[in-house]
Amino acid sequence: MIDFILQTIFWISVFSIVWVYVGYYLFLSLISLFYTKKVQQNDSTPSVSIIITAYNEEKSIASKLDNCLDIDYPAENLEIIVASDGSTDKTNDIVKDYSDKGVKLVVISDRKGKHYAQKQGIEASHHDIVVFTDATTRLERNSIRMIVRSFADPKIGCVSGTDRINGGDKPAHGEGVYVKYEMKLRSLESSISSLVGVSGSFFAARKMICDTWYSDMSSDFFVPVIAYMQGYRSVLDDDAIGQYTVVRNPEREFERKVRTVVHGIQVVMRLKPILNPFRYGFYSFQMFNHKLMRWLIPIAFFACLVTNILLVNVNLLYQFLLVFQISFYVSALSAFMFKSLEKNTLFKIPFFLVMVNTSIIVAWYKYFCGEKYVSWERTER
């Protein structure tokens, strides 16, 4: 009887892991063969406010503003706002140098966080469509034209840009594989229903949706949720591309992942009615599988290993699977200890999965300790 219980726990854990990383994606792929939702688009150029949040970005803010000013979009329909969240370096002075080019500076004297700064940028904006982007993200010349074209559809409330790692930047730790996987997953969710999260470094929304704003939570997560609650879809535009450089410091990247998960948990907990399938249907299913199950998957990894150890003498299958699991964790540890192994797929994928799930465990701990990560330190890239 005990073996039966252990085997049940083991196989449920295995199924959960496979479902989260492969099954859910394949399920959406299957649905997309038979059902997709169209988006009405046109090439008009509505008035747009670009909101750039910055904290001590003296190294990158000038090139970011040059990048935005070089965008292929009618200047009379484009407003550029920099919301400086308590910057203590030369960021504000650099932005002021662009005032003759129409760039508006919103100074927040005391640091109150990225999302508070975004809200101040919204309040300073004059247009019905707002585009949020980071100081370190480079937009392609047609990116604004691409990201706003879906707003021709009255059912669209939020549009996500597509993340792309800089061409010459070779990410380690499986980050590049993850970004490609996440973009494909978002594309499927977008075509079938609505996004449960958008690119935090580049997304657009109808300004009226932003009337509901949480300055202590992650806007790239709660905005599409709020949009759906108000009857709007959030979609991905594959041609609206924002490029960024991968984080070189593994410790900073780990901290960023912890912060991202904490923000996500906060959004789900505050907006937990979105998990009610009787009210929000398939979108609740998406939220549960794409977000909540992913944040609970460390439990499955732990249960899988423990039960496998206890079942090792049952038959050869469990012995083989235990060897596989041990090899998986040894590969991850080896990649952590020996940087030369980072580029080898057999090592970097296990390391990335272990790092991600460790960051989730830390994030749950931080969440229950009351950590909110309201303010942020700029990430060196």
Protein backbone atom coordinates (compact mmCIF):
# COMPACT_ATOMS: atom_id res chain seq x y z
CA MET A 1 0.00 0.00 0.00
CA ILE A 2 2.83 2.39 0.87
CA ASP A 3 4.56 1.62 -2.44
CA PHE A 4 1.31 2.34 -4.28
CA ILE A 5 0.99 5.74 -2.58
CA LEU A 6 4.63 6.57 -3.28
CA GLN A 7 4.28 5.54 -6.93
CA THR A 8 1.13 7.64 -7.27
CA ILE A 9 2.91 10.69 -5.86
CA PHE A 10 5.92 10.02 -8.07
CA TRP A 11 3.97 9.77 -11.33
CA ILE A 12 1.74 12.73 -10.50
CA SER A 13 4.92 14.73 -9.90
CA VAL A 14 6.44 13.55 -13.18
CA PHE A 15 3.24 14.39 -15.05
CA SER A 16 3.13 17.86 -13.46
CA ILE A 17 6.70 18.65 -14.50
CA VAL A 18 6.18 17.42 -18.05
CA TRP A 19 2.84 19.22 -18.31
CA VAL A 20 4.21 22.57 -17.14
CA TYR A 21 7.20 22.61 -19.48
CA VAL A 22 5.92 20.60 -22.47
CA GLY A 23 2.32 19.46 -22.16
CA TYR A 24 0.67 22.86 -21.78
CA TYR A 25 2.57 24.15 -24.81
CA LEU A 26 1.58 21.12 -26.91
CA PHE A 27 -2.03 21.42 -25.74
CA LEU A 28 -2.21 25.03 -26.90
CA SER A 29 -0.51 24.09 -30.17
CA LEU A 30 -3.20 21.47 -30.79
CA ILE A 31 -6.02 23.92 -30.06
CA SER A 32 -4.46 26.51 -32.39
CA LEU A 33 -4.81 24.07 -35.29
CA PHE A 34 -8.59 24.29 -35.00
CA TYR A 35 -9.34 27.58 -33.29
CA THR A 36 -7.80 31.05 -33.28
CA LYS A 37 -9.12 34.55 -32.67
CA LYS A 38 -8.44 37.14 -35.32
CA VAL A 39 -7.20 40.63 -34.54
CA GLN A 40 -8.39 43.55 -36.65
CA GLN A 41 -5.32 45.62 -37.57
CA ASN A 42 -4.57 48.67 -39.66
CA ASP A 43 -1.55 50.84 -40.33
CA SER A 44 -2.89 54.05 -38.86
CA THR A 45 -0.72 56.14 -36.55
CA PRO A 46 -2.78 57.09 -33.48
CA SER A 47 -1.34 59.46 -30.91
CA VAL A 48 0.98 57.61 -28.55
CA SER A 49 2.75 58.43 -25.29
CA ILE A 50 6.00 56.53 -24.70
CA ILE A 51 6.78 56.23 -21.01
CA ILE A 52 10.36 55.35 -20.05
CA THR A 53 11.07 54.59 -16.41
CA ALA A 54 14.60 55.25 -15.20
CA TYR A 55 16.64 55.01 -12.06
CA ASN A 56 20.29 56.07 -12.35
CA GLU A 57 20.45 55.32 -16.08
CA GLU A 58 23.10 57.89 -17.03
CA LYS A 59 24.94 55.21 -19.02
CA SER A 60 22.00 54.30 -21.24
CA ILE A 61 19.34 57.04 -21.17
CA ALA A 62 20.86 59.14 -23.98
CA SER A 63 21.05 56.20 -26.38
CA LYS A 64 17.51 55.20 -25.36
CA LEU A 65 16.17 58.66 -26.17
CA ASP A 66 18.09 58.73 -29.47
CA ASN A 67 16.55 55.34 -30.22
CA CYS A 68 13.02 56.61 -29.52
CA LEU A 69 13.52 59.81 -31.50
CA ASP A 70 14.74 57.76 -34.46
CA ILE A 71 11.56 55.67 -34.52
CA ASP A 72 9.60 55.71 -37.77
CA TYR A 73 6.47 57.45 -36.50
CA PRO A 74 4.92 60.89 -37.06
CA ALA A 75 6.54 63.22 -34.54
CA GLU A 76 3.30 65.15 -34.02
CA ASN A 77 1.64 61.92 -32.82
CA LEU A 78 4.45 60.84 -30.51
CA GLU A 79 5.05 61.98 -26.95
CA ILE A 80 8.15 60.82 -25.06
CA ILE A 81 8.13 60.95 -21.27
CA VAL A 82 10.92 59.90 -18.91
CA ALA A 83 9.78 59.15 -15.36
CA SER A 84 12.90 59.37 -13.22
CA ASP A 85 12.42 57.52 -9.95
CA GLY A 86 14.69 59.34 -7.51
CA SER A 87 17.76 59.21 -9.76
CA THR A 88 20.88 60.54 -8.04
CA ASP A 89 23.27 60.43 -10.99
CA LYS A 90 23.21 62.55 -14.19
CA THR A 91 20.06 60.93 -15.60
CA ASN A 92 17.84 63.99 -15.09
CA ASP A 93 20.42 66.39 -16.54
CA ILE A 94 20.83 64.24 -19.64
CA VAL A 95 17.06 64.05 -20.18
CA LYS A 96 16.77 67.83 -19.81
CA ASP A 97 19.20 68.21 -22.71
CA TYR A 98 16.52 66.60 -24.88
CA SER A 99 13.74 68.98 -23.88
CA ASP A 100 14.14 70.97 -27.11
CA LYS A 101 13.33 67.75 -28.96
CA GLY A 102 10.05 67.37 -27.11
CA VAL A 103 11.16 64.92 -24.44
CA LYS A 104 9.34 65.50 -21.15
CA LEU A 105 10.94 64.75 -17.78
CA VAL A 106 8.88 63.73 -14.75
CA VAL A 107 11.05 63.88 -11.64
CA ILE A 108 10.11 61.79 -8.61
CA SER A 109 12.23 63.17 -5.79
CA ASP A 110 12.06 60.13 -3.50
CA ARG A 111 12.35 56.60 -4.83
CA LYS A 112 8.96 54.93 -4.87
CA GLY A 113 9.48 52.17 -7.42
CA LYS A 114 9.17 51.48 -11.13
CA HIS A 115 5.43 51.04 -11.18
CA TYR A 116 4.79 54.20 -9.20
CA ALA A 117 7.00 55.99 -11.73
CA GLN A 118 4.97 54.48 -14.56
CA LYS A 119 1.79 55.84 -12.98
CA GLN A 120 3.31 59.32 -12.79
CA GLY A 121 4.22 59.00 -16.44
CA ILE A 122 0.64 58.04 -17.27
CA GLU A 123 -0.71 61.07 -15.41
CA ALA A 124 1.66 63.32 -17.35
CA SER A 125 0.69 61.81 -20.71
CA HIS A 126 -1.82 63.32 -23.12
CA HIS A 127 -2.68 60.43 -25.44
CA ASP A 128 -5.09 57.49 -25.31
CA ILE A 129 -2.43 54.84 -25.97
CA VAL A 130 0.56 54.52 -23.66
CA VAL A 131 3.69 52.51 -24.44
CA PHE A 132 5.89 51.36 -21.56
CA THR A 133 9.54 50.60 -22.19
CA ASP A 134 12.75 50.27 -20.19
CA ALA A 135 15.82 52.47 -20.55
CA THR A 136 17.96 49.50 -21.59
CA THR A 137 15.59 48.15 -24.25
CA ARG A 138 16.23 49.11 -27.86
CA LEU A 139 13.19 49.39 -30.13
CA GLU A 140 13.34 48.68 -33.85
CA ARG A 141 12.39 51.62 -36.09
CA ASN A 142 8.96 50.21 -36.95
CA SER A 143 8.22 48.89 -33.45
CA ILE A 144 5.72 51.59 -32.44
CA ARG A 145 3.82 51.28 -35.73
CA MET A 146 3.63 47.54 -35.15
CA ILE A 147 2.60 47.60 -31.50
CA VAL A 148 -0.25 50.10 -32.00
CA ARG A 149 -1.82 48.59 -35.11
CA SER A 150 -3.84 46.06 -33.10
CA PHE A 151 -5.66 48.86 -31.25
CA ALA A 152 -7.74 49.26 -34.41
CA ASP A 153 -9.61 46.29 -32.94
CA PRO A 154 -11.93 47.66 -30.21
CA LYS A 155 -11.61 44.37 -28.32
CA ILE A 156 -7.86 44.77 -27.80
CA GLY A 157 -6.80 46.50 -24.60
CA CYS A 158 -3.12 45.63 -24.29
CA VAL A 159 -0.39 44.63 -26.76
CA SER A 160 2.93 43.03 -25.86
CA GLY A 161 6.12 43.54 -27.79
CA THR A 162 8.35 40.58 -28.57
CA ASP A 163 11.52 40.10 -26.53
CA ARG A 164 14.68 39.48 -28.47
CA ILE A 165 18.20 39.10 -27.13
CA ASN A 166 20.75 41.27 -28.94
CA GLY A 167 22.09 39.43 -31.96
CA GLY A 168 25.72 39.35 -30.89
CA ASP A 169 24.90 38.43 -27.33
CA LYS A 170 25.27 34.72 -26.59
CA PRO A 171 23.33 34.01 -23.39
CA ALA A 172 24.47 31.30 -21.05
CA HIS A 173 22.46 29.30 -18.53
CA GLY A 174 19.72 28.45 -21.06
CA GLU A 175 18.30 31.99 -20.99
CA GLY A 176 18.15 32.18 -24.79
CA VAL A 177 16.22 28.93 -25.03
CA TYR A 178 13.80 30.12 -22.35
CA VAL A 179 13.13 33.45 -24.10
CA LYS A 180 12.32 31.68 -27.39
CA TYR A 181 10.09 29.18 -25.59
CA GLU A 182 8.26 31.92 -23.69
CA MET A 183 7.66 33.96 -26.86
CA LYS A 184 6.20 30.93 -28.65
CA LEU A 185 3.99 30.17 -25.66
CA ARG A 186 2.75 33.76 -25.54
CA SER A 187 2.09 33.66 -29.27
CA LEU A 188 -0.15 30.62 -28.81
CA GLU A 189 -2.02 32.18 -25.88
CA SER A 190 -2.45 35.37 -27.86
CA SER A 191 -3.89 33.62 -30.91
CA ILE A 192 -6.29 31.43 -28.91
CA SER A 193 -7.41 33.71 -26.12
CA SER A 194 -5.47 36.45 -24.31
CA LEU A 195 -2.03 36.91 -22.75
CA VAL A 196 -1.64 36.35 -19.01
CA GLY A 197 1.54 38.42 -19.00
CA VAL A 198 3.28 40.84 -21.34
CA SER A 199 6.86 41.95 -21.91
CA GLY A 200 7.77 44.25 -19.04
CA SER A 201 10.39 45.98 -21.17
CA PHE A 202 8.02 46.86 -24.03
CA PHE A 203 4.22 46.83 -24.04
CA ALA A 204 1.31 49.14 -24.84
CA ALA A 205 -2.15 49.64 -23.34
CA ARG A 206 -5.22 51.79 -23.67
CA LYS A 207 -4.85 54.59 -21.15
CA MET A 208 -8.34 54.03 -19.74
CA ILE A 209 -7.36 50.52 -18.63
CA CYS A 210 -4.55 52.08 -16.61
CA ASP A 211 -7.09 53.95 -14.50
CA THR A 212 -6.85 50.85 -12.30
CA TRP A 213 -3.23 50.87 -11.20
CA TYR A 214 -1.25 49.17 -8.45
CA SER A 215 1.99 51.00 -7.76
CA ASP A 216 3.30 48.15 -5.62
CA MET A 217 2.83 45.39 -8.19
CA SER A 218 4.18 44.39 -11.60
CA SER A 219 2.36 46.23 -14.41
CA ASP A 220 3.38 43.74 -17.09
CA PHE A 221 1.31 41.18 -15.20
CA PHE A 222 -1.62 43.06 -13.69
CA VAL A 223 -2.39 45.25 -16.74
CA PRO A 224 -3.35 42.31 -19.01
CA VAL A 225 -5.32 40.77 -16.14
CA ILE A 226 -7.19 44.03 -15.48
CA ALA A 227 -7.76 44.36 -19.22
CA TYR A 228 -9.35 40.92 -19.37
CA MET A 229 -11.51 41.66 -16.34
CA GLN A 230 -12.76 44.75 -18.19
CA GLY A 231 -13.60 42.73 -21.29
CA TYR A 232 -10.45 43.35 -23.38
CA ARG A 233 -7.94 40.94 -24.88
CA SER A 234 -4.17 41.28 -24.60
CA VAL A 235 -2.21 40.08 -27.60
CA LEU A 236 1.36 39.64 -28.78
CA ASP A 237 2.69 41.40 -31.88
CA ASP A 238 5.54 39.33 -33.30
CA ASP A 239 6.81 42.29 -35.33
CA ALA A 240 6.99 44.78 -32.44
CA ILE A 241 10.49 43.91 -31.29
CA GLY A 242 12.36 45.13 -28.25
CA GLN A 243 15.98 44.05 -27.97
CA TYR A 244 17.87 43.74 -24.74
CA THR A 245 21.19 42.47 -23.45
CA VAL A 246 21.33 39.46 -21.16
CA VAL A 247 22.42 39.92 -17.56
CA ARG A 248 26.10 39.03 -17.22
CA ASN A 249 26.08 38.62 -13.46
CA PRO A 250 24.43 35.30 -12.47
CA GLU A 251 23.67 36.58 -8.97
CA ARG A 252 21.87 39.66 -10.33
CA GLU A 253 19.97 37.48 -12.79
CA PHE A 254 18.91 35.20 -9.93
CA GLU A 255 17.74 38.21 -7.92
CA ARG A 256 15.78 39.46 -10.94
CA LYS A 257 14.00 36.13 -11.29
CA VAL A 258 13.13 36.10 -7.58
CA ARG A 259 11.74 39.63 -7.86
CA THR A 260 9.70 38.70 -10.95
CA VAL A 261 8.09 35.69 -9.26
CA VAL A 262 7.32 37.65 -6.07
CA HIS A 263 5.57 40.29 -8.18
CA GLY A 264 3.64 37.61 -10.03
CA ILE A 265 2.47 35.91 -6.83
CA GLN A 266 1.35 39.28 -5.47
CA VAL A 267 -0.77 39.94 -8.57
CA VAL A 268 -2.46 36.53 -8.48
CA MET A 269 -3.18 36.81 -4.77
CA ARG A 270 -4.66 40.29 -5.10
CA LEU A 271 -6.61 39.47 -8.25
CA LYS A 272 -7.40 35.86 -7.35
CA PRO A 273 -10.96 36.00 -8.76
CA ILE A 274 -9.23 35.65 -12.15
CA LEU A 275 -8.64 31.99 -11.21
CA ASN A 276 -12.40 31.35 -11.18
CA PRO A 277 -13.14 29.36 -14.38
CA PHE A 278 -16.89 29.82 -13.97
CA ARG A 279 -16.37 33.56 -14.39
CA TYR A 280 -13.33 33.84 -16.62
CA GLY A 281 -13.38 30.52 -18.46
CA PHE A 282 -10.34 29.47 -20.47
CA TYR A 283 -8.36 32.48 -19.29
CA SER A 284 -8.45 31.06 -15.74
CA PHE A 285 -7.11 27.79 -17.14
CA GLN A 286 -4.26 29.72 -18.78
CA MET A 287 -3.49 31.61 -15.59
CA PHE A 288 -3.39 28.43 -13.54
CA ASN A 289 -1.15 26.53 -15.97
CA HIS A 290 1.18 29.25 -17.20
CA LYS A 291 1.72 30.99 -13.87
CA LEU A 292 0.48 29.25 -10.73
CA MET A 293 1.54 25.71 -11.66
CA ARG A 294 4.95 26.99 -12.74
CA TRP A 295 5.39 28.59 -9.33
CA LEU A 296 4.37 25.35 -7.59
CA ILE A 297 6.55 23.04 -9.70
CA PRO A 298 9.49 22.99 -7.21
CA ILE A 299 7.23 20.87 -5.00
CA ALA A 300 6.91 18.36 -7.84
CA PHE A 301 10.69 18.25 -8.37
CA PHE A 302 11.24 17.62 -4.67
CA ALA A 303 8.50 14.97 -4.44
CA CYS A 304 9.80 13.28 -7.57
CA LEU A 305 13.29 12.91 -6.14
CA VAL A 306 12.26 11.81 -2.64
CA THR A 307 9.70 9.23 -3.80
CA ASN A 308 12.14 7.91 -6.42
CA ILE A 309 14.72 7.28 -3.70
CA LEU A 310 12.14 5.42 -1.63
CA LEU A 311 11.06 3.38 -4.66
CA VAL A 312 14.54 2.50 -5.91
CA ASN A 313 14.23 -1.18 -4.93
CA VAL A 314 10.81 -1.71 -6.56
CA ASN A 315 12.12 -2.40 -10.08
CA LEU A 316 14.75 -1.42 -12.67
CA LEU A 317 12.62 1.43 -14.03
CA TYR A 318 12.86 3.36 -10.77
CA GLN A 319 16.59 2.64 -10.57
CA PHE A 320 17.08 4.03 -14.07
CA LEU A 321 14.96 7.10 -13.28
CA LEU A 322 16.90 7.77 -10.09
CA VAL A 323 20.19 7.63 -12.02
CA PHE A 324 18.66 10.05 -14.51
CA GLN A 325 17.60 12.46 -11.77
CA ILE A 326 20.96 12.33 -10.02
CA SER A 327 22.71 12.95 -13.37
CA PHE A 328 20.41 15.91 -13.96
CA TYR A 329 21.32 17.57 -10.67
CA VAL A 330 25.01 16.71 -11.02
CA SER A 331 24.98 18.37 -14.47
CA ALA A 332 23.40 21.47 -12.96
CA LEU A 333 25.95 21.57 -10.15
CA SER A 334 28.80 21.05 -12.61
CA ALA A 335 27.63 23.99 -14.74
CA PHE A 336 27.49 26.11 -11.60
CA MET A 337 31.00 25.13 -10.52
CA PHE A 338 32.69 25.12 -13.94
CA LYS A 339 31.79 28.08 -16.13
CA SER A 340 33.28 26.38 -19.21
CA LEU A 341 30.28 24.02 -19.23
CA GLU A 342 27.72 26.82 -19.47
CA LYS A 343 27.48 26.65 -23.26
CA ASN A 344 26.96 22.89 -23.39
CA THR A 345 23.27 22.05 -23.70
CA LEU A 346 23.64 18.92 -21.54
CA PHE A 347 24.74 21.16 -18.68
CA LYS A 348 23.17 24.57 -19.23
CA ILE A 349 19.55 23.38 -19.50
CA PRO A 350 19.66 21.43 -16.18
CA PHE A 351 21.43 24.38 -14.55
CA PHE A 352 18.86 26.85 -15.85
CA LEU A 353 15.92 24.74 -14.63
CA VAL A 354 17.48 24.26 -11.21
CA MET A 355 18.29 27.97 -10.96
CA VAL A 356 14.78 28.98 -11.99
CA ASN A 357 13.11 26.62 -9.54
CA THR A 358 15.47 27.64 -6.74
CA SER A 359 14.53 31.26 -7.42
CA ILE A 360 10.85 30.27 -7.14
CA ILE A 361 11.46 28.70 -3.73
CA VAL A 362 13.26 31.84 -2.57
CA ALA A 363 10.44 33.96 -4.03
CA TRP A 364 7.78 32.13 -2.00
CA TYR A 365 9.89 32.64 1.10
CA LYS A 366 10.26 36.35 0.31
CA TYR A 367 6.54 36.65 -0.37
CA PHE A 368 5.55 35.10 2.93
CA CYS A 369 8.09 37.34 4.68
CA GLY A 370 6.28 40.34 3.22
CA GLU A 371 8.95 41.40 0.70
CA LYS A 372 7.36 43.56 -2.03
CA TYR A 373 10.36 44.73 -4.11
CA VAL A 374 8.70 48.09 -4.68
CA SER A 375 11.94 49.91 -5.52
CA TRP A 376 14.49 48.41 -7.86
CA GLU A 377 18.18 48.57 -8.58
CA ARG A 378 19.13 48.94 -12.22
CA THR A 379 20.35 45.65 -13.67
CA GLU A 380 23.85 45.80 -15.14
CA ARG A 381 23.78 44.25 -18.62
